[in-house]
């Protein structure tokens, strides 16, 4: 009887553990784009319907070119304050990506160009250096910096949601290609997110330990 009770207890523990694992699955699967329910779902970019994703184009209207994009075959215009340009290929401009959970971007850097500190709230990123030399890094939630120098052919991973950046430290223009784990990874640049909106100045002076005048000066640069 004691042996049977032990077996029953072991079975009960195993079943309970399995049920707990199943209960956790919805939470874990929310960490990425939803799995597709068909071979593909080419986005109907003309549709005004709002869903968590894009409405599917009727299958009879899908053609091979829906799965092709030439968005990344030309250099972006780096004639700007950061001397860098990001060209994105995501579900908003590449309909064939809908429901596939992936996207790409091309980053062009003039000499000294910077892809400013930013985050992607819905995707991790892997960066491939096609040309040039980049100083890249990200900051963990413990405020630890993980940074290194990348040369042509190197790759580097930026974990989802963490602040990261790329700087061209070479003597010539650089090009990098990024792959992201979401059809719509989103991007939020840190400085504009804080100094463009009308956030109470006390929040900014205390958070950055700067004066009211310094806050005004920084805000003026982002509100032109």
Protein backbone atom coordinates (compact mmCIF):
# COMPACT_ATOMS: atom_id res chain seq x y z
CA UNK A 1 0.00 0.00 0.00
CA UNK A 2 2.83 2.37 0.88
CA UNK A 3 4.44 1.63 -2.48
CA UNK A 4 1.15 2.32 -4.28
CA UNK A 5 0.70 5.60 -2.40
CA UNK A 6 4.21 6.66 -3.36
CA UNK A 7 3.47 5.89 -7.01
CA UNK A 8 0.23 7.87 -6.84
CA UNK A 9 2.06 10.80 -5.26
CA UNK A 10 4.72 10.69 -7.97
CA UNK A 11 2.05 10.60 -10.68
CA UNK A 12 0.21 13.51 -9.06
CA UNK A 13 3.41 15.60 -8.95
CA UNK A 14 4.17 14.79 -12.60
CA UNK A 15 0.66 15.70 -13.76
CA UNK A 16 0.69 18.93 -11.74
CA UNK A 17 4.07 19.91 -13.20
CA UNK A 18 2.81 19.24 -16.72
CA UNK A 19 -0.32 21.32 -16.16
CA UNK A 20 1.77 24.21 -14.84
CA UNK A 21 3.97 24.07 -17.93
CA UNK A 22 0.91 24.16 -20.20
CA UNK A 23 -0.50 27.10 -18.23
CA UNK A 24 2.72 29.01 -18.85
CA UNK A 25 2.66 28.45 -22.61
CA UNK A 26 0.36 31.41 -23.47
CA UNK A 27 2.67 33.76 -21.58
CA UNK A 28 5.76 32.44 -23.34
CA UNK A 29 4.20 32.58 -26.80
CA UNK A 30 3.28 36.23 -26.29
CA UNK A 31 7.01 37.03 -26.46
CA UNK A 32 6.99 36.91 -30.28
CA UNK A 33 4.69 37.43 -33.25
CA UNK A 34 1.75 35.05 -33.48
CA UNK A 35 2.29 31.83 -35.43
CA UNK A 36 0.74 31.86 -38.92
CA UNK A 37 -2.37 29.75 -39.49
CA UNK A 38 -1.81 29.30 -43.23
CA UNK A 39 1.08 29.12 -45.71
CA UNK A 40 1.13 32.89 -46.05
CA UNK A 41 -1.03 35.96 -45.60
CA UNK A 42 0.08 38.70 -47.97
CA UNK A 43 -0.99 41.99 -46.44
CA UNK A 44 -3.71 44.04 -48.08
CA UNK A 45 -1.96 47.39 -47.56
CA UNK A 46 -4.97 49.24 -48.97
CA UNK A 47 -7.29 47.95 -46.26
CA UNK A 48 -8.35 50.39 -43.54
CA UNK A 49 -9.28 47.56 -41.17
CA UNK A 50 -7.23 47.58 -37.97
CA UNK A 51 -6.15 44.25 -36.47
CA UNK A 52 -3.07 42.98 -34.61
CA UNK A 53 -1.24 42.57 -37.89
CA UNK A 54 -2.53 43.13 -41.41
CA UNK A 55 -5.61 41.87 -43.23
CA UNK A 56 -4.86 39.14 -45.79
CA UNK A 57 -5.14 39.83 -49.48
CA UNK A 58 -7.50 37.38 -51.24
CA UNK A 59 -5.50 34.31 -52.28
CA UNK A 60 -6.51 34.69 -55.93
CA UNK A 61 -4.83 38.11 -55.99
CA UNK A 62 -1.47 36.96 -54.56
CA UNK A 63 1.45 37.04 -57.01
CA UNK A 64 5.15 36.21 -56.79
CA UNK A 65 6.18 39.85 -56.59
CA UNK A 66 4.32 40.15 -53.28
CA UNK A 67 7.23 38.19 -51.81
CA UNK A 68 9.94 40.35 -53.40
CA UNK A 69 11.26 43.75 -52.35
CA UNK A 70 13.92 46.06 -53.74
CA UNK A 71 13.77 48.44 -50.79
CA UNK A 72 17.29 47.64 -49.60
CA UNK A 73 19.17 47.73 -52.89
CA UNK A 74 19.92 51.47 -52.75
CA UNK A 75 21.91 53.45 -50.21
CA UNK A 76 19.97 55.72 -47.88
CA UNK A 77 20.58 59.47 -47.72
CA UNK A 78 23.13 60.11 -44.96
CA UNK A 79 23.03 63.89 -45.40
CA UNK A 80 21.50 64.54 -41.99
CA UNK A 81 22.50 65.42 -38.43
CA UNK A 82 23.46 61.83 -37.57
CA UNK A 83 25.19 61.08 -40.89
CA UNK A 84 23.29 57.79 -41.06
CA UNK A 85 20.16 56.44 -42.71
CA UNK A 86 17.96 53.45 -41.87
CA UNK A 87 15.91 51.88 -44.66
CA UNK A 88 13.35 49.45 -43.26
CA UNK A 89 11.67 46.51 -44.99
CA UNK A 90 8.77 45.58 -42.74
CA UNK A 91 5.12 44.68 -43.06
CA UNK A 92 4.15 48.31 -43.67
CA UNK A 93 6.01 48.39 -46.99
CA UNK A 94 6.60 44.70 -47.82
CA UNK A 95 3.26 42.92 -47.86
CA UNK A 96 4.67 39.39 -48.14
CA UNK A 97 6.12 39.62 -44.62
CA UNK A 98 2.68 39.59 -43.00
CA UNK A 99 2.41 36.86 -40.30
CA UNK A 100 5.97 35.60 -40.95
CA UNK A 101 7.52 37.22 -37.87
CA UNK A 102 10.57 38.67 -39.63
CA UNK A 103 11.78 41.92 -41.19
CA UNK A 104 15.01 43.58 -42.30
CA UNK A 105 16.68 46.96 -42.45
CA UNK A 106 19.64 48.53 -44.21
CA UNK A 107 21.73 51.06 -42.30
CA UNK A 108 24.05 53.36 -44.26
CA UNK A 109 26.71 55.36 -42.43
CA UNK A 110 28.80 58.25 -43.68
CA UNK A 111 32.17 58.65 -41.96
CA UNK A 112 31.39 59.21 -38.27
CA UNK A 113 27.74 58.29 -38.81
CA UNK A 114 25.64 57.21 -35.83
CA UNK A 115 22.51 55.11 -35.57
CA UNK A 116 21.44 56.78 -32.34
CA UNK A 117 20.55 54.85 -29.15
CA UNK A 118 17.15 53.25 -29.66
CA UNK A 119 15.07 50.18 -28.87
CA UNK A 120 12.90 47.69 -30.76
CA UNK A 121 10.08 46.78 -28.35
CA UNK A 122 8.90 43.77 -30.35
CA UNK A 123 12.06 42.18 -31.74
CA UNK A 124 15.60 41.02 -31.18
CA UNK A 125 18.04 42.03 -33.93
CA UNK A 126 21.07 40.48 -35.60
CA UNK A 127 23.34 42.90 -37.46
CA UNK A 128 25.65 41.96 -40.35
CA UNK A 129 28.38 44.38 -41.40
CA UNK A 130 28.54 44.45 -45.21
CA UNK A 131 31.13 47.23 -45.45
CA UNK A 132 33.22 49.25 -43.00
CA UNK A 133 34.01 49.22 -39.31
CA UNK A 134 31.39 49.84 -36.62
CA UNK A 135 31.46 50.33 -32.86
CA UNK A 136 28.25 48.72 -31.60
CA UNK A 137 26.69 47.91 -28.28
CA UNK A 138 23.68 47.53 -26.05
CA UNK A 139 22.91 48.23 -22.41
CA UNK A 140 21.32 45.61 -20.16
CA UNK A 141 18.60 46.34 -17.60
CA UNK A 142 21.39 46.28 -15.02
CA UNK A 143 22.97 49.22 -16.92
CA UNK A 144 25.88 47.05 -18.07
CA UNK A 145 27.36 47.98 -21.44
CA UNK A 146 28.15 45.23 -23.93
CA UNK A 147 30.08 46.90 -26.76
CA UNK A 148 32.66 45.88 -29.33
CA UNK A 149 34.09 46.71 -32.75
CA UNK A 150 32.73 44.96 -35.83
CA UNK A 151 34.51 44.63 -39.16
CA UNK A 152 33.24 43.57 -42.56
CA UNK A 153 31.59 40.16 -42.32
CA UNK A 154 31.02 40.27 -38.55
CA UNK A 155 27.63 39.86 -36.90
CA UNK A 156 26.29 41.05 -33.55
CA UNK A 157 23.05 40.40 -31.66
CA UNK A 158 20.93 43.01 -29.88
CA UNK A 159 18.42 41.46 -27.44
CA UNK A 160 14.81 42.49 -27.70
CA UNK A 161 13.82 45.77 -26.07
CA UNK A 162 17.31 46.81 -24.92
CA UNK A 163 18.87 50.18 -25.79
CA UNK A 164 21.48 49.80 -28.54
CA UNK A 165 23.46 51.80 -31.11
CA UNK A 166 25.96 51.65 -33.99
CA UNK A 167 28.74 54.15 -34.78
CA UNK A 168 30.95 54.23 -37.88
CA UNK A 169 34.51 54.51 -36.54
CA UNK A 170 36.20 53.77 -39.86
CA UNK A 171 37.66 56.19 -42.37
CA UNK A 172 35.10 55.35 -45.05
CA UNK A 173 31.32 54.90 -45.36
CA UNK A 174 29.86 51.72 -43.85
CA UNK A 175 26.83 49.55 -44.57
CA UNK A 176 25.07 47.08 -42.29
CA UNK A 177 22.09 44.78 -42.77
CA UNK A 178 19.82 44.02 -39.83
CA UNK A 179 17.41 41.09 -39.50
CA UNK A 180 14.69 41.42 -36.86
CA UNK A 181 12.40 38.86 -35.26
CA UNK A 182 9.12 40.63 -35.95
CA UNK A 183 7.22 41.75 -39.02
CA UNK A 184 6.77 45.09 -37.25
CA UNK A 185 9.58 45.46 -34.66
CA UNK A 186 8.90 49.11 -33.89
CA UNK A 187 11.63 51.61 -33.08
CA UNK A 188 11.91 54.27 -30.41
CA UNK A 189 14.87 56.64 -30.26
CA UNK A 190 15.70 57.46 -26.66
CA UNK A 191 16.49 61.17 -26.80
CA UNK A 192 13.54 62.29 -28.99
CA UNK A 193 11.17 60.13 -26.93
CA UNK A 194 12.07 62.11 -23.81
CA UNK A 195 12.71 65.61 -25.09
CA UNK A 196 10.16 66.02 -27.90
CA UNK A 197 6.93 65.51 -25.88
CA UNK A 198 5.86 68.04 -23.28
CA UNK A 199 7.03 66.03 -20.26
CA UNK A 200 6.98 67.93 -16.95
CA UNK A 201 10.38 69.59 -16.66
CA UNK A 202 10.82 68.36 -13.10
CA UNK A 203 10.85 64.81 -14.41
CA UNK A 204 13.70 65.62 -16.78
CA UNK A 205 15.76 67.79 -14.43
CA UNK A 206 15.66 65.14 -11.70
CA UNK A 207 16.13 62.14 -14.00
CA UNK A 208 19.12 63.61 -15.84
CA UNK A 209 20.40 65.72 -12.92
CA UNK A 210 20.52 68.83 -15.08
CA UNK A 211 19.16 72.36 -14.78
CA UNK A 212 15.94 73.79 -16.14
CA UNK A 213 17.91 75.80 -18.69
CA UNK A 214 19.72 72.68 -19.88
CA UNK A 215 16.37 70.95 -20.34
CA UNK A 216 15.11 73.90 -22.37
CA UNK A 217 18.23 73.87 -24.53
CA UNK A 218 17.95 70.16 -25.28
CA UNK A 219 14.22 70.34 -25.96
CA UNK A 220 14.78 73.17 -28.41
CA UNK A 221 17.04 70.93 -30.51
CA UNK A 222 14.31 68.30 -30.87
CA UNK A 223 11.39 70.67 -31.43
CA UNK A 224 12.57 72.43 -34.56
